[in-house]
N, C-alpha and C. Protein backbone atom coordinates (compact mmCIF):
# COMPACT_ATOMS: atom_id res chain seq x y z
N MET A 1 256.90 199.85 37.34
CA MET A 1 258.08 199.05 37.06
C MET A 1 257.76 198.03 35.98
N LYS A 2 258.55 198.02 34.95
CA LYS A 2 258.37 197.06 33.87
C LYS A 2 259.18 195.80 34.18
N VAL A 3 258.53 194.65 34.05
CA VAL A 3 259.19 193.38 34.32
C VAL A 3 259.23 192.58 33.03
N ALA A 4 260.39 192.03 32.73
CA ALA A 4 260.55 191.21 31.53
C ALA A 4 259.83 189.88 31.71
N ARG A 5 259.70 189.14 30.64
CA ARG A 5 259.17 187.78 30.74
C ARG A 5 260.23 186.87 31.33
N LEU A 6 259.76 185.84 31.98
CA LEU A 6 260.68 184.84 32.53
C LEU A 6 261.45 184.15 31.40
N GLU A 7 262.73 183.94 31.63
CA GLU A 7 263.57 183.22 30.67
C GLU A 7 264.36 182.17 31.44
N ALA A 8 264.35 180.94 30.94
CA ALA A 8 265.04 179.86 31.63
C ALA A 8 266.53 180.14 31.80
N THR A 9 267.13 180.86 30.87
CA THR A 9 268.56 181.15 30.96
C THR A 9 268.89 182.22 31.99
N ARG A 10 267.85 182.90 32.48
CA ARG A 10 268.05 183.97 33.47
C ARG A 10 267.49 183.62 34.85
N ALA A 11 266.70 182.55 34.94
CA ALA A 11 265.92 182.27 36.14
C ALA A 11 266.58 181.26 37.07
N ALA A 12 266.24 181.40 38.35
CA ALA A 12 266.59 180.45 39.40
C ALA A 12 265.33 180.18 40.22
N LEU A 13 265.32 179.07 40.94
CA LEU A 13 264.20 178.73 41.81
C LEU A 13 264.67 178.80 43.26
N LEU A 14 263.95 179.56 44.08
CA LEU A 14 264.23 179.65 45.52
C LEU A 14 263.08 179.00 46.28
N VAL A 15 263.42 177.96 47.05
CA VAL A 15 262.46 177.22 47.87
C VAL A 15 262.73 177.60 49.32
N VAL A 16 261.79 178.30 49.94
CA VAL A 16 262.00 178.84 51.27
C VAL A 16 261.30 178.00 52.35
N ASP A 17 262.09 177.34 53.18
CA ASP A 17 261.67 176.79 54.46
C ASP A 17 260.45 175.87 54.44
N ILE A 18 260.39 174.95 53.51
CA ILE A 18 259.29 173.98 53.49
C ILE A 18 259.73 172.80 54.36
N GLN A 19 259.56 172.99 55.67
CA GLN A 19 260.14 172.09 56.67
C GLN A 19 259.08 171.33 57.46
N GLU A 20 259.56 170.26 58.10
CA GLU A 20 258.68 169.34 58.82
C GLU A 20 257.80 170.03 59.85
N ALA A 21 258.31 170.97 60.61
CA ALA A 21 257.53 171.61 61.69
C ALA A 21 256.32 172.37 61.15
N PHE A 22 256.36 172.77 59.90
CA PHE A 22 255.26 173.55 59.33
C PHE A 22 254.14 172.66 58.78
N ARG A 23 254.42 171.40 58.58
CA ARG A 23 253.48 170.48 57.93
C ARG A 23 252.09 170.52 58.58
N GLU A 24 252.02 170.51 59.88
CA GLU A 24 250.74 170.42 60.59
C GLU A 24 250.07 171.77 60.79
N VAL A 25 250.80 172.86 60.61
CA VAL A 25 250.21 174.18 60.92
C VAL A 25 249.88 175.01 59.69
N ILE A 26 250.30 174.57 58.52
CA ILE A 26 250.01 175.28 57.27
C ILE A 26 248.86 174.54 56.59
N GLY A 27 247.74 175.22 56.41
CA GLY A 27 246.53 174.60 55.88
C GLY A 27 246.71 173.90 54.55
N ASP A 28 247.44 174.48 53.63
CA ASP A 28 247.61 173.91 52.29
C ASP A 28 248.98 173.27 52.12
N ALA A 29 249.54 172.71 53.18
CA ALA A 29 250.90 172.17 53.12
C ALA A 29 251.06 171.13 52.01
N GLY A 30 250.10 170.24 51.86
CA GLY A 30 250.20 169.21 50.82
C GLY A 30 250.24 169.82 49.42
N LYS A 31 249.41 170.81 49.18
CA LYS A 31 249.39 171.48 47.88
C LYS A 31 250.70 172.23 47.64
N ILE A 32 251.21 172.87 48.66
CA ILE A 32 252.46 173.62 48.53
C ILE A 32 253.60 172.66 48.18
N VAL A 33 253.65 171.53 48.86
CA VAL A 33 254.69 170.53 48.57
C VAL A 33 254.55 170.01 47.14
N SER A 34 253.33 169.70 46.73
CA SER A 34 253.09 169.21 45.37
C SER A 34 253.51 170.23 44.31
N ARG A 35 253.12 171.47 44.48
CA ARG A 35 253.50 172.52 43.51
C ARG A 35 255.01 172.74 43.51
N THR A 36 255.62 172.65 44.68
CA THR A 36 257.07 172.82 44.75
C THR A 36 257.78 171.66 44.04
N GLN A 37 257.26 170.45 44.18
CA GLN A 37 257.82 169.31 43.43
C GLN A 37 257.77 169.59 41.94
N THR A 38 256.65 170.07 41.47
CA THR A 38 256.48 170.37 40.05
C THR A 38 257.48 171.44 39.61
N LEU A 39 257.59 172.51 40.38
CA LEU A 39 258.54 173.58 40.05
C LEU A 39 259.97 173.05 40.03
N ALA A 40 260.33 172.25 41.01
CA ALA A 40 261.71 171.75 41.11
C ALA A 40 262.03 170.78 39.97
N HIS A 41 261.11 169.88 39.66
CA HIS A 41 261.37 168.95 38.54
C HIS A 41 261.52 169.73 37.23
N ALA A 42 260.67 170.72 37.02
CA ALA A 42 260.78 171.53 35.80
C ALA A 42 262.07 172.33 35.80
N ALA A 43 262.45 172.87 36.94
CA ALA A 43 263.70 173.64 37.03
C ALA A 43 264.88 172.77 36.62
N LYS A 44 264.89 171.53 37.07
CA LYS A 44 265.97 170.61 36.68
C LYS A 44 265.98 170.37 35.18
N LEU A 45 264.80 170.11 34.61
CA LEU A 45 264.70 169.87 33.17
C LEU A 45 265.21 171.06 32.36
N LEU A 46 264.96 172.27 32.87
CA LEU A 46 265.31 173.49 32.15
C LEU A 46 266.67 174.06 32.54
N GLY A 47 267.35 173.41 33.48
CA GLY A 47 268.68 173.86 33.86
C GLY A 47 268.72 175.06 34.78
N LEU A 48 267.66 175.29 35.55
CA LEU A 48 267.65 176.41 36.50
C LEU A 48 268.36 176.00 37.79
N PRO A 49 269.18 176.89 38.34
CA PRO A 49 269.73 176.61 39.67
C PRO A 49 268.60 176.59 40.69
N ILE A 50 268.73 175.71 41.68
CA ILE A 50 267.73 175.62 42.74
C ILE A 50 268.43 175.89 44.07
N ILE A 51 267.87 176.85 44.83
CA ILE A 51 268.39 177.19 46.15
C ILE A 51 267.29 176.87 47.15
N VAL A 52 267.65 176.15 48.21
CA VAL A 52 266.71 175.76 49.25
C VAL A 52 267.20 176.32 50.57
N SER A 53 266.30 176.99 51.30
CA SER A 53 266.68 177.46 52.63
C SER A 53 265.92 176.65 53.68
N GLU A 54 266.59 176.50 54.83
CA GLU A 54 266.00 175.82 55.98
C GLU A 54 266.20 176.70 57.20
N GLN A 55 265.10 177.16 57.77
CA GLN A 55 265.14 178.02 58.95
C GLN A 55 265.39 177.16 60.20
N TYR A 56 266.53 177.37 60.84
CA TYR A 56 266.88 176.68 62.07
C TYR A 56 266.44 175.21 62.06
N PRO A 57 267.05 174.39 61.19
CA PRO A 57 266.60 173.00 61.03
C PRO A 57 266.74 172.15 62.29
N GLN A 58 267.63 172.55 63.21
CA GLN A 58 267.75 171.79 64.46
C GLN A 58 266.45 171.83 65.25
N GLY A 59 265.70 172.91 65.13
CA GLY A 59 264.44 173.04 65.85
C GLY A 59 263.21 172.80 65.00
N LEU A 60 263.26 173.18 63.71
CA LEU A 60 262.09 173.09 62.85
C LEU A 60 262.13 171.89 61.90
N GLY A 61 263.22 171.14 61.93
CA GLY A 61 263.35 169.99 61.05
C GLY A 61 263.89 170.39 59.68
N LYS A 62 264.25 169.38 58.94
CA LYS A 62 264.77 169.59 57.59
C LYS A 62 263.61 169.79 56.61
N THR A 63 263.96 170.04 55.37
CA THR A 63 262.96 170.12 54.30
C THR A 63 262.17 168.81 54.27
N VAL A 64 260.87 168.89 54.02
CA VAL A 64 260.02 167.70 54.05
C VAL A 64 260.54 166.62 53.11
N THR A 65 260.42 165.39 53.54
CA THR A 65 261.01 164.27 52.80
C THR A 65 260.42 164.10 51.40
N GLU A 66 259.17 164.50 51.19
CA GLU A 66 258.55 164.36 49.88
C GLU A 66 259.29 165.15 48.81
N LEU A 67 260.08 166.14 49.22
CA LEU A 67 260.81 166.97 48.25
C LEU A 67 262.24 166.47 48.00
N SER A 68 262.66 165.42 48.68
CA SER A 68 264.04 164.94 48.57
C SER A 68 264.48 164.68 47.14
N ASP A 69 263.69 163.92 46.39
CA ASP A 69 264.05 163.61 45.00
C ASP A 69 264.05 164.86 44.13
N ALA A 70 263.00 165.65 44.25
CA ALA A 70 262.87 166.84 43.42
C ALA A 70 263.99 167.85 43.67
N LEU A 71 264.47 167.90 44.91
CA LEU A 71 265.49 168.89 45.26
C LEU A 71 266.90 168.31 45.34
N ALA A 72 267.07 167.07 44.92
CA ALA A 72 268.41 166.46 44.92
C ALA A 72 269.35 167.31 44.08
N GLY A 73 270.50 167.64 44.63
CA GLY A 73 271.48 168.44 43.91
C GLY A 73 271.33 169.94 44.11
N ALA A 74 270.27 170.36 44.81
CA ALA A 74 270.06 171.79 45.05
C ALA A 74 271.05 172.30 46.10
N LEU A 75 271.29 173.60 46.05
CA LEU A 75 272.08 174.27 47.08
C LEU A 75 271.18 174.43 48.30
N VAL A 76 271.52 173.78 49.42
CA VAL A 76 270.72 173.84 50.64
C VAL A 76 271.46 174.68 51.67
N LEU A 77 270.77 175.71 52.17
CA LEU A 77 271.38 176.64 53.12
C LEU A 77 270.61 176.64 54.43
N GLU A 78 271.31 176.35 55.53
CA GLU A 78 270.73 176.50 56.84
C GLU A 78 270.83 177.96 57.23
N LYS A 79 269.81 178.46 57.95
CA LYS A 79 269.83 179.87 58.31
C LYS A 79 269.11 180.11 59.63
N THR A 80 269.43 181.20 60.26
CA THR A 80 268.64 181.71 61.38
C THR A 80 268.07 183.07 61.01
N THR A 81 268.68 183.74 60.04
CA THR A 81 268.12 184.99 59.53
C THR A 81 266.83 184.66 58.79
N PHE A 82 265.87 185.56 58.83
CA PHE A 82 264.59 185.28 58.17
C PHE A 82 264.72 185.32 56.66
N SER A 83 265.56 186.17 56.13
CA SER A 83 265.76 186.27 54.69
C SER A 83 266.77 185.23 54.22
N ALA A 84 266.37 184.44 53.23
CA ALA A 84 267.30 183.47 52.65
C ALA A 84 268.49 184.16 51.99
N VAL A 85 268.30 185.38 51.53
CA VAL A 85 269.36 186.13 50.86
C VAL A 85 270.55 186.36 51.80
N HIS A 86 270.28 186.42 53.09
CA HIS A 86 271.35 186.66 54.06
C HIS A 86 271.94 185.37 54.63
N ALA A 87 271.50 184.22 54.16
CA ALA A 87 272.07 182.95 54.60
C ALA A 87 273.49 182.82 54.04
N GLU A 88 274.37 182.28 54.83
CA GLU A 88 275.75 182.08 54.38
C GLU A 88 275.77 181.17 53.16
N GLY A 89 276.44 181.61 52.10
CA GLY A 89 276.56 180.83 50.88
C GLY A 89 275.49 181.11 49.84
N PHE A 90 274.55 182.03 50.14
CA PHE A 90 273.48 182.31 49.18
C PHE A 90 274.05 182.87 47.88
N THR A 91 273.59 182.33 46.77
CA THR A 91 273.96 182.83 45.45
C THR A 91 272.87 182.48 44.45
N LEU A 92 272.70 183.34 43.49
CA LEU A 92 271.78 183.06 42.39
C LEU A 92 272.53 182.50 41.18
N ALA A 93 273.80 182.22 41.35
CA ALA A 93 274.61 181.62 40.29
C ALA A 93 274.55 182.43 39.00
N GLY A 94 274.59 183.76 39.13
CA GLY A 94 274.61 184.63 37.97
C GLY A 94 273.25 184.91 37.36
N ARG A 95 272.19 184.42 37.97
CA ARG A 95 270.84 184.64 37.44
C ARG A 95 270.27 185.94 38.01
N ASP A 96 269.33 186.55 37.28
CA ASP A 96 268.73 187.81 37.76
C ASP A 96 267.21 187.74 37.81
N GLN A 97 266.65 186.56 37.60
CA GLN A 97 265.22 186.33 37.76
C GLN A 97 265.06 185.19 38.76
N VAL A 98 264.11 185.33 39.67
CA VAL A 98 263.94 184.33 40.73
C VAL A 98 262.47 183.98 40.88
N ILE A 99 262.21 182.68 40.85
CA ILE A 99 260.88 182.14 41.13
C ILE A 99 260.91 181.71 42.58
N VAL A 100 259.94 182.17 43.36
CA VAL A 100 259.96 181.91 44.80
C VAL A 100 258.72 181.14 45.23
N CYS A 101 258.96 180.12 46.05
CA CYS A 101 257.88 179.37 46.68
C CYS A 101 258.31 179.09 48.11
N GLY A 102 257.36 178.74 48.98
CA GLY A 102 257.75 178.37 50.33
C GLY A 102 256.82 178.83 51.43
N ILE A 103 257.39 178.81 52.65
CA ILE A 103 256.67 179.02 53.89
C ILE A 103 257.55 179.92 54.78
N GLU A 104 257.10 180.75 55.60
CA GLU A 104 255.82 181.38 55.65
C GLU A 104 255.86 182.64 54.82
N THR A 105 254.82 182.85 54.06
CA THR A 105 254.77 183.93 53.07
C THR A 105 255.05 185.29 53.69
N HIS A 106 254.50 185.54 54.87
CA HIS A 106 254.60 186.87 55.47
C HIS A 106 255.87 187.09 56.28
N ILE A 107 256.69 186.05 56.43
CA ILE A 107 257.92 186.21 57.21
C ILE A 107 259.13 185.93 56.32
N CYS A 108 259.56 184.69 56.26
CA CYS A 108 260.80 184.37 55.54
C CYS A 108 260.69 184.57 54.04
N VAL A 109 259.54 184.22 53.46
CA VAL A 109 259.37 184.46 52.03
C VAL A 109 259.40 185.96 51.76
N ALA A 110 258.62 186.72 52.52
CA ALA A 110 258.54 188.17 52.29
C ALA A 110 259.90 188.84 52.44
N GLN A 111 260.62 188.52 53.49
CA GLN A 111 261.91 189.18 53.68
C GLN A 111 262.91 188.78 52.60
N SER A 112 262.84 187.53 52.16
CA SER A 112 263.72 187.08 51.06
C SER A 112 263.40 187.83 49.78
N VAL A 113 262.11 187.94 49.47
CA VAL A 113 261.68 188.63 48.24
C VAL A 113 262.07 190.10 48.29
N LEU A 114 261.83 190.75 49.40
CA LEU A 114 262.19 192.17 49.51
C LEU A 114 263.70 192.37 49.33
N ASP A 115 264.49 191.48 49.88
CA ASP A 115 265.95 191.58 49.71
C ASP A 115 266.37 191.28 48.27
N LEU A 116 265.70 190.33 47.63
CA LEU A 116 265.99 190.07 46.21
C LEU A 116 265.66 191.28 45.36
N LEU A 117 264.51 191.88 45.61
CA LEU A 117 264.12 193.08 44.85
C LEU A 117 265.11 194.21 45.07
N ALA A 118 265.66 194.31 46.27
CA ALA A 118 266.64 195.35 46.57
C ALA A 118 267.93 195.17 45.78
N THR A 119 268.18 193.94 45.30
CA THR A 119 269.37 193.68 44.47
C THR A 119 269.06 193.85 42.99
N ASP A 120 267.85 194.31 42.68
CA ASP A 120 267.37 194.48 41.31
C ASP A 120 267.07 193.17 40.60
N ALA A 121 266.94 192.09 41.35
CA ALA A 121 266.47 190.84 40.76
C ALA A 121 264.99 190.98 40.45
N GLU A 122 264.53 190.31 39.40
CA GLU A 122 263.11 190.24 39.09
C GLU A 122 262.57 189.00 39.78
N VAL A 123 261.45 189.15 40.47
CA VAL A 123 260.93 188.06 41.30
C VAL A 123 259.51 187.69 40.89
N TRP A 124 259.27 186.38 40.73
CA TRP A 124 257.95 185.83 40.47
C TRP A 124 257.53 185.02 41.68
N LEU A 125 256.33 185.24 42.16
CA LEU A 125 255.77 184.49 43.28
C LEU A 125 254.91 183.36 42.74
N ALA A 126 255.28 182.15 43.05
CA ALA A 126 254.43 181.00 42.70
C ALA A 126 253.38 180.92 43.81
N CYS A 127 252.33 181.70 43.67
CA CYS A 127 251.35 181.91 44.75
C CYS A 127 250.67 180.63 45.20
N ASP A 128 250.51 179.67 44.29
CA ASP A 128 249.90 178.39 44.67
C ASP A 128 250.90 177.48 45.39
N ALA A 129 252.12 177.95 45.59
CA ALA A 129 253.15 177.21 46.32
C ALA A 129 253.70 178.07 47.46
N LEU A 130 252.85 178.95 47.98
CA LEU A 130 253.20 179.80 49.12
C LEU A 130 252.21 179.55 50.24
N GLY A 131 252.68 179.55 51.48
CA GLY A 131 251.77 179.32 52.58
C GLY A 131 252.17 180.05 53.85
N SER A 132 251.16 180.30 54.66
CA SER A 132 251.32 180.84 56.01
C SER A 132 250.30 180.15 56.89
N ARG A 133 250.52 180.22 58.20
CA ARG A 133 249.53 179.65 59.12
C ARG A 133 248.19 180.36 58.98
N SER A 134 248.24 181.65 58.71
CA SER A 134 247.03 182.45 58.57
C SER A 134 246.82 182.83 57.10
N ALA A 135 245.61 182.59 56.60
CA ALA A 135 245.28 182.98 55.22
C ALA A 135 245.37 184.49 55.05
N ASP A 136 245.00 185.24 56.07
CA ASP A 136 245.11 186.70 56.00
C ASP A 136 246.56 187.14 55.86
N ASP A 137 247.45 186.56 56.66
CA ASP A 137 248.87 186.91 56.58
C ASP A 137 249.42 186.61 55.18
N ARG A 138 249.03 185.46 54.63
CA ARG A 138 249.49 185.07 53.29
C ARG A 138 249.00 186.08 52.24
N ALA A 139 247.72 186.39 52.28
CA ALA A 139 247.14 187.30 51.29
C ALA A 139 247.76 188.69 51.39
N LEU A 140 247.92 189.19 52.60
CA LEU A 140 248.52 190.52 52.77
C LEU A 140 249.96 190.54 52.30
N ALA A 141 250.69 189.48 52.58
CA ALA A 141 252.09 189.41 52.15
C ALA A 141 252.20 189.42 50.62
N ILE A 142 251.36 188.63 49.95
CA ILE A 142 251.39 188.61 48.48
C ILE A 142 251.06 189.99 47.94
N GLN A 143 250.06 190.64 48.52
CA GLN A 143 249.70 191.99 48.09
C GLN A 143 250.87 192.95 48.30
N ARG A 144 251.49 192.90 49.46
CA ARG A 144 252.63 193.78 49.75
C ARG A 144 253.78 193.53 48.79
N LEU A 145 254.10 192.26 48.54
CA LEU A 145 255.22 191.92 47.67
C LEU A 145 254.94 192.34 46.23
N ALA A 146 253.69 192.22 45.81
CA ALA A 146 253.32 192.69 44.47
C ALA A 146 253.49 194.20 44.37
N LEU A 147 253.07 194.92 45.39
CA LEU A 147 253.26 196.38 45.40
C LEU A 147 254.74 196.76 45.38
N ALA A 148 255.57 195.90 45.98
CA ALA A 148 257.01 196.16 46.01
C ALA A 148 257.69 195.82 44.68
N GLY A 149 256.98 195.10 43.79
CA GLY A 149 257.55 194.81 42.48
C GLY A 149 257.63 193.35 42.10
N ALA A 150 257.25 192.44 43.01
CA ALA A 150 257.24 191.02 42.65
C ALA A 150 256.01 190.72 41.79
N VAL A 151 256.11 189.70 40.96
CA VAL A 151 255.03 189.34 40.04
C VAL A 151 254.27 188.14 40.60
N PRO A 152 253.01 188.34 41.02
CA PRO A 152 252.23 187.19 41.48
C PRO A 152 251.84 186.31 40.29
N SER A 153 252.02 185.01 40.44
CA SER A 153 251.73 184.11 39.34
C SER A 153 251.36 182.74 39.90
N SER A 154 251.33 181.73 39.05
CA SER A 154 251.02 180.36 39.48
C SER A 154 252.06 179.43 38.88
N THR A 155 252.13 178.25 39.44
CA THR A 155 253.09 177.26 38.95
C THR A 155 252.93 177.01 37.45
N GLU A 156 251.71 176.74 37.03
CA GLU A 156 251.47 176.45 35.62
C GLU A 156 251.86 177.63 34.72
N SER A 157 251.46 178.81 35.09
CA SER A 157 251.77 180.00 34.31
C SER A 157 253.28 180.20 34.20
N ILE A 158 253.97 180.03 35.32
CA ILE A 158 255.43 180.20 35.35
C ILE A 158 256.09 179.19 34.41
N LEU A 159 255.66 177.94 34.48
CA LEU A 159 256.31 176.90 33.67
C LEU A 159 256.09 177.10 32.18
N PHE A 160 254.89 177.48 31.80
CA PHE A 160 254.64 177.71 30.38
C PHE A 160 255.35 178.98 29.89
N GLU A 161 255.53 179.95 30.76
CA GLU A 161 256.30 181.13 30.37
C GLU A 161 257.76 180.77 30.17
N LEU A 162 258.30 179.91 31.02
CA LEU A 162 259.68 179.47 30.86
C LEU A 162 259.86 178.69 29.56
N LEU A 163 258.86 177.90 29.18
CA LEU A 163 258.93 177.13 27.93
C LEU A 163 258.84 178.04 26.71
N GLY A 164 257.86 178.94 26.72
CA GLY A 164 257.71 179.90 25.63
C GLY A 164 257.09 179.38 24.36
N ASP A 165 257.17 178.07 24.12
CA ASP A 165 256.71 177.53 22.84
C ASP A 165 256.43 176.04 23.03
N ALA A 166 255.36 175.55 22.41
CA ALA A 166 255.03 174.13 22.48
C ALA A 166 256.07 173.28 21.75
N LYS A 167 256.94 173.91 20.97
CA LYS A 167 258.00 173.19 20.28
C LYS A 167 259.26 173.04 21.15
N HIS A 168 259.22 173.58 22.36
CA HIS A 168 260.37 173.47 23.27
C HIS A 168 260.66 171.98 23.50
N PRO A 169 261.92 171.58 23.52
CA PRO A 169 262.26 170.16 23.68
C PRO A 169 261.74 169.52 24.97
N ASN A 170 261.48 170.31 26.01
CA ASN A 170 260.99 169.78 27.27
C ASN A 170 259.49 169.96 27.46
N PHE A 171 258.80 170.41 26.41
CA PHE A 171 257.37 170.72 26.54
C PHE A 171 256.56 169.54 27.07
N LYS A 172 256.69 168.38 26.45
CA LYS A 172 255.87 167.23 26.84
C LYS A 172 256.16 166.79 28.28
N GLU A 173 257.44 166.81 28.66
CA GLU A 173 257.79 166.42 30.03
C GLU A 173 257.20 167.38 31.06
N ILE A 174 257.29 168.66 30.78
CA ILE A 174 256.78 169.66 31.71
C ILE A 174 255.25 169.65 31.71
N GLN A 175 254.67 169.47 30.55
CA GLN A 175 253.20 169.37 30.49
C GLN A 175 252.75 168.17 31.34
N GLY A 176 253.50 167.09 31.28
CA GLY A 176 253.19 165.90 32.09
C GLY A 176 253.29 166.16 33.59
N LEU A 177 254.17 167.05 34.00
CA LEU A 177 254.29 167.39 35.41
C LEU A 177 253.06 168.14 35.91
N ILE A 178 252.44 168.89 35.04
CA ILE A 178 251.30 169.72 35.43
C ILE A 178 250.01 168.92 35.47
N LYS A 179 249.87 167.95 34.61
CA LYS A 179 248.62 167.17 34.53
C LYS A 179 248.44 166.25 35.71
C-alpha cells in the first residue's frame, strides 16, 4: 500500500482516551501527555481539526488536566465503544489523513485505527505518544497496525512532515514546541 506524505490541509489529530484513570497504570504516561501537548499545539497552529475521545468518563475520568489548554476547542466525544470512530458525533471534518495518539494502544487506539483504515483514511501513529499498561501489548499493537497499513512515526517526524519546509510561516513556533 502506497501512503502519501502528510499534508496539513488533509490531516486531523485524534487523541484517544488520555484519561485520569490511566495516569498511574501507564508507564510512560508523562511522556505521552507531553508528546500529545506538542501534537495538539502544532495542530492548532497548522489548522488541523482535533478530535478527543473519552472512554466512559464517568468511571475513568475526563482527559488529564495537563491537556486542557492544548485541547481547548477540540471536538470531545464520550464513548463506551472501544473505537472512537463509532462514538456519536465522530467526524474528520472532511480530512482523509489522521494522526493518532493515546491510550491504550492495543484496545481503543487499535480499534479506532483499524476502523479509520477501513474508511480508506491514511493513518500515522505517533508512537512516542501511544501507551498501554503492558509494553508487549503496545509493541504488538503497533506492529499489527503497521501491517494493516498505518504508518508508525514519531511526534517530531510528523510535525516536520506537516511543515514540509523551514520557510513555513509556523516553522519557528513548531520547532520551539519540540525543543
